[in-house]
Amino acid sequence: MGLCGWILFGFLAGLLARALTPGEHRMGFIRTTLLGVVGSFIGGLLGALIRGRDIMVLEPSGFIGAVLGAVVLLAFAGWLHSAR
């Protein structure tokens, strides 16, 4: 997948994660895209943990894993924000 593909993939995954997570999320295009891309790697990490594979190998996940990873990232950021 090329750079444009990753940008589109990240944006769509981040957009869907924001729609699934309750609360107000003040993010623009770039932050939403980064949310989806980072969520993809978090989803890959969670998938490796579930399957019992080596977690030190960073690999992105598919679309569902990216959305789940982005939801986890949003929930963690909300928890950090409320802890202040």
N, C-alpha and C. Protein backbone atom coordinates (compact mmCIF):
# COMPACT_ATOMS: atom_id res chain seq x y z
N MET A 1 0.85 -1.16 0.00
CA MET A 1 0.00 0.00 0.00
C MET A 1 0.91 1.23 0.00
N GLY A 2 0.64 2.14 -0.90
CA GLY A 2 1.44 3.35 -1.00
C GLY A 2 1.04 4.39 0.05
N LEU A 3 1.71 5.50 0.01
CA LEU A 3 1.47 6.57 0.98
C LEU A 3 0.03 7.09 0.90
N CYS A 4 -0.47 7.29 -0.30
CA CYS A 4 -1.85 7.77 -0.46
C CYS A 4 -2.85 6.75 0.07
N GLY A 5 -2.55 5.48 -0.12
CA GLY A 5 -3.41 4.42 0.41
C GLY A 5 -3.45 4.43 1.92
N TRP A 6 -2.27 4.62 2.54
CA TRP A 6 -2.21 4.68 4.01
C TRP A 6 -2.97 5.89 4.55
N ILE A 7 -2.86 7.01 3.85
CA ILE A 7 -3.58 8.22 4.28
C ILE A 7 -5.08 7.99 4.21
N LEU A 8 -5.56 7.44 3.11
CA LEU A 8 -6.99 7.17 2.98
C LEU A 8 -7.46 6.11 3.98
N PHE A 9 -6.68 5.04 4.13
CA PHE A 9 -7.00 3.98 5.08
C PHE A 9 -7.07 4.53 6.50
N GLY A 10 -6.06 5.31 6.89
CA GLY A 10 -6.03 5.90 8.23
C GLY A 10 -7.17 6.85 8.48
N PHE A 11 -7.49 7.66 7.47
CA PHE A 11 -8.59 8.61 7.62
C PHE A 11 -9.92 7.89 7.82
N LEU A 12 -10.17 6.88 7.00
CA LEU A 12 -11.44 6.14 7.11
C LEU A 12 -11.54 5.39 8.44
N ALA A 13 -10.46 4.75 8.85
CA ALA A 13 -10.46 4.03 10.13
C ALA A 13 -10.62 5.00 11.30
N GLY A 14 -9.92 6.13 11.26
CA GLY A 14 -10.05 7.13 12.32
C GLY A 14 -11.42 7.75 12.37
N LEU A 15 -12.00 8.00 11.20
CA LEU A 15 -13.34 8.58 11.13
C LEU A 15 -14.38 7.63 11.72
N LEU A 16 -14.27 6.35 11.38
CA LEU A 16 -15.21 5.37 11.92
C LEU A 16 -15.01 5.19 13.43
N ALA A 17 -13.78 5.20 13.89
CA ALA A 17 -13.50 5.07 15.33
C ALA A 17 -14.08 6.26 16.09
N ARG A 18 -13.95 7.46 15.53
CA ARG A 18 -14.54 8.65 16.17
C ARG A 18 -16.05 8.55 16.21
N ALA A 19 -16.66 7.98 15.19
CA ALA A 19 -18.11 7.84 15.16
C ALA A 19 -18.59 6.80 16.18
N LEU A 20 -17.79 5.77 16.43
CA LEU A 20 -18.18 4.71 17.36
C LEU A 20 -17.92 5.06 18.81
N THR A 21 -17.02 5.99 19.05
CA THR A 21 -16.64 6.35 20.42
C THR A 21 -17.47 7.53 20.89
N PRO A 22 -18.15 7.40 22.03
CA PRO A 22 -18.98 8.50 22.50
C PRO A 22 -18.14 9.70 22.95
N GLY A 23 -18.72 10.86 22.89
CA GLY A 23 -18.05 12.08 23.32
C GLY A 23 -17.65 12.94 22.15
N GLU A 24 -17.20 14.13 22.47
CA GLU A 24 -16.78 15.07 21.45
C GLU A 24 -15.28 14.92 21.20
N HIS A 25 -14.92 14.80 19.95
CA HIS A 25 -13.51 14.65 19.57
C HIS A 25 -13.15 15.82 18.66
N ARG A 26 -12.33 16.70 19.16
CA ARG A 26 -11.93 17.87 18.39
C ARG A 26 -10.67 17.54 17.62
N MET A 27 -10.85 16.99 16.43
CA MET A 27 -9.72 16.60 15.59
C MET A 27 -9.99 17.03 14.17
N GLY A 28 -8.95 17.40 13.50
CA GLY A 28 -9.04 17.71 12.09
C GLY A 28 -8.66 16.50 11.24
N PHE A 29 -8.40 16.76 9.98
CA PHE A 29 -8.06 15.71 9.02
C PHE A 29 -6.78 14.98 9.41
N ILE A 30 -5.74 15.73 9.77
CA ILE A 30 -4.44 15.12 10.06
C ILE A 30 -4.49 14.27 11.31
N ARG A 31 -5.10 14.78 12.37
CA ARG A 31 -5.18 14.01 13.62
C ARG A 31 -6.06 12.77 13.45
N THR A 32 -7.13 12.89 12.68
CA THR A 32 -7.99 11.73 12.42
C THR A 32 -7.23 10.66 11.64
N THR A 33 -6.44 11.10 10.66
CA THR A 33 -5.65 10.16 9.87
C THR A 33 -4.59 9.47 10.73
N LEU A 34 -3.89 10.26 11.55
CA LEU A 34 -2.88 9.66 12.44
C LEU A 34 -3.53 8.71 13.43
N LEU A 35 -4.72 9.04 13.90
CA LEU A 35 -5.46 8.15 14.80
C LEU A 35 -5.68 6.80 14.13
N GLY A 36 -6.10 6.80 12.88
CA GLY A 36 -6.35 5.55 12.17
C GLY A 36 -5.09 4.76 11.90
N VAL A 37 -4.00 5.44 11.54
CA VAL A 37 -2.75 4.74 11.25
C VAL A 37 -2.15 4.14 12.53
N VAL A 38 -2.11 4.94 13.60
CA VAL A 38 -1.61 4.42 14.88
C VAL A 38 -2.54 3.32 15.40
N GLY A 39 -3.84 3.50 15.21
CA GLY A 39 -4.80 2.48 15.60
C GLY A 39 -4.58 1.17 14.87
N SER A 40 -4.12 1.24 13.64
CA SER A 40 -3.82 0.03 12.88
C SER A 40 -2.67 -0.75 13.52
N PHE A 41 -1.66 -0.04 13.99
CA PHE A 41 -0.55 -0.73 14.65
C PHE A 41 -0.95 -1.24 16.03
N ILE A 42 -1.81 -0.51 16.73
CA ILE A 42 -2.32 -1.00 18.02
C ILE A 42 -3.17 -2.24 17.78
N GLY A 43 -3.99 -2.22 16.73
CA GLY A 43 -4.78 -3.40 16.38
C GLY A 43 -3.90 -4.58 16.02
N GLY A 44 -2.78 -4.32 15.33
CA GLY A 44 -1.82 -5.39 15.01
C GLY A 44 -1.19 -5.96 16.27
N LEU A 45 -0.89 -5.10 17.25
CA LEU A 45 -0.33 -5.56 18.52
C LEU A 45 -1.35 -6.40 19.28
N LEU A 46 -2.60 -5.94 19.33
CA LEU A 46 -3.64 -6.72 20.02
C LEU A 46 -3.88 -8.05 19.32
N GLY A 47 -3.84 -8.04 17.99
CA GLY A 47 -4.00 -9.29 17.24
C GLY A 47 -2.88 -10.26 17.51
N ALA A 48 -1.64 -9.75 17.63
CA ALA A 48 -0.50 -10.62 17.94
C ALA A 48 -0.63 -11.20 19.33
N LEU A 49 -1.12 -10.40 20.28
CA LEU A 49 -1.32 -10.92 21.64
C LEU A 49 -2.38 -12.02 21.67
N ILE A 50 -3.45 -11.84 20.93
CA ILE A 50 -4.54 -12.82 20.90
C ILE A 50 -4.08 -14.12 20.23
N ARG A 51 -3.33 -13.97 19.13
CA ARG A 51 -2.87 -15.16 18.40
C ARG A 51 -1.64 -15.80 19.00
N GLY A 52 -1.02 -15.15 19.99
CA GLY A 52 0.16 -15.72 20.63
C GLY A 52 1.43 -15.56 19.81
N ARG A 53 1.49 -14.54 18.97
CA ARG A 53 2.67 -14.30 18.15
C ARG A 53 3.61 -13.32 18.85
N ASP A 54 4.75 -13.09 18.25
CA ASP A 54 5.76 -12.18 18.80
C ASP A 54 5.24 -10.75 18.72
N ILE A 55 5.13 -10.08 19.86
CA ILE A 55 4.60 -8.72 19.88
C ILE A 55 5.66 -7.68 19.55
N MET A 56 6.93 -8.09 19.47
CA MET A 56 8.00 -7.15 19.14
C MET A 56 8.07 -6.86 17.64
N VAL A 57 7.33 -7.59 16.84
CA VAL A 57 7.29 -7.36 15.40
C VAL A 57 6.09 -6.46 15.12
N LEU A 58 6.37 -5.22 14.72
CA LEU A 58 5.29 -4.28 14.43
C LEU A 58 4.70 -4.59 13.06
N GLU A 59 3.44 -4.91 13.04
CA GLU A 59 2.77 -5.11 11.77
C GLU A 59 1.37 -4.51 11.85
N PRO A 60 0.95 -3.83 10.81
CA PRO A 60 -0.37 -3.24 10.82
C PRO A 60 -1.45 -4.30 10.69
N SER A 61 -2.64 -3.93 11.12
CA SER A 61 -3.76 -4.87 11.02
C SER A 61 -4.66 -4.46 9.87
N GLY A 62 -5.72 -5.19 9.68
CA GLY A 62 -6.70 -4.85 8.67
C GLY A 62 -7.61 -3.73 9.15
N PHE A 63 -8.65 -3.49 8.40
CA PHE A 63 -9.52 -2.35 8.68
C PHE A 63 -10.23 -2.49 10.03
N ILE A 64 -10.75 -3.67 10.33
CA ILE A 64 -11.45 -3.87 11.61
C ILE A 64 -10.48 -3.72 12.77
N GLY A 65 -9.29 -4.27 12.65
CA GLY A 65 -8.28 -4.12 13.69
C GLY A 65 -7.85 -2.68 13.85
N ALA A 66 -7.78 -1.94 12.74
CA ALA A 66 -7.40 -0.53 12.81
C ALA A 66 -8.46 0.29 13.54
N VAL A 67 -9.72 0.00 13.26
CA VAL A 67 -10.80 0.72 13.93
C VAL A 67 -10.81 0.37 15.42
N LEU A 68 -10.66 -0.91 15.75
CA LEU A 68 -10.62 -1.31 17.16
C LEU A 68 -9.42 -0.70 17.89
N GLY A 69 -8.28 -0.67 17.24
CA GLY A 69 -7.10 -0.05 17.83
C GLY A 69 -7.29 1.45 18.03
N ALA A 70 -7.94 2.11 17.07
CA ALA A 70 -8.20 3.55 17.20
C ALA A 70 -9.21 3.83 18.31
N VAL A 71 -10.20 2.95 18.47
CA VAL A 71 -11.16 3.11 19.57
C VAL A 71 -10.44 2.95 20.91
N VAL A 72 -9.54 1.98 21.01
CA VAL A 72 -8.76 1.80 22.24
C VAL A 72 -7.91 3.05 22.51
N LEU A 73 -7.30 3.59 21.47
CA LEU A 73 -6.49 4.80 21.61
C LEU A 73 -7.33 5.99 22.05
N LEU A 74 -8.52 6.16 21.48
CA LEU A 74 -9.41 7.24 21.89
C LEU A 74 -9.87 7.07 23.33
N ALA A 75 -10.18 5.84 23.73
CA ALA A 75 -10.61 5.60 25.11
C ALA A 75 -9.47 5.89 26.08
N PHE A 76 -8.26 5.51 25.72
CA PHE A 76 -7.11 5.78 26.57
C PHE A 76 -6.85 7.28 26.68
N ALA A 77 -6.96 7.99 25.57
CA ALA A 77 -6.77 9.45 25.60
C ALA A 77 -7.85 10.11 26.43
N GLY A 78 -9.09 9.63 26.34
CA GLY A 78 -10.17 10.18 27.17
C GLY A 78 -9.93 9.91 28.63
N TRP A 79 -9.41 8.74 28.93
CA TRP A 79 -9.11 8.41 30.34
C TRP A 79 -8.00 9.30 30.87
N LEU A 80 -6.97 9.53 30.06
CA LEU A 80 -5.88 10.43 30.48
C LEU A 80 -6.38 11.85 30.70
N HIS A 81 -7.26 12.28 29.81
CA HIS A 81 -7.78 13.64 29.91
C HIS A 81 -8.65 13.81 31.16
N SER A 82 -9.42 12.81 31.50
CA SER A 82 -10.30 12.90 32.66
C SER A 82 -9.52 12.73 33.96
N ALA A 83 -8.34 12.13 33.92
CA ALA A 83 -7.52 11.93 35.11
C ALA A 83 -6.82 13.21 35.58
N ARG A 84 -6.79 14.20 34.72
CA ARG A 84 -6.12 15.45 35.10
C ARG A 84 -6.90 16.22 36.07
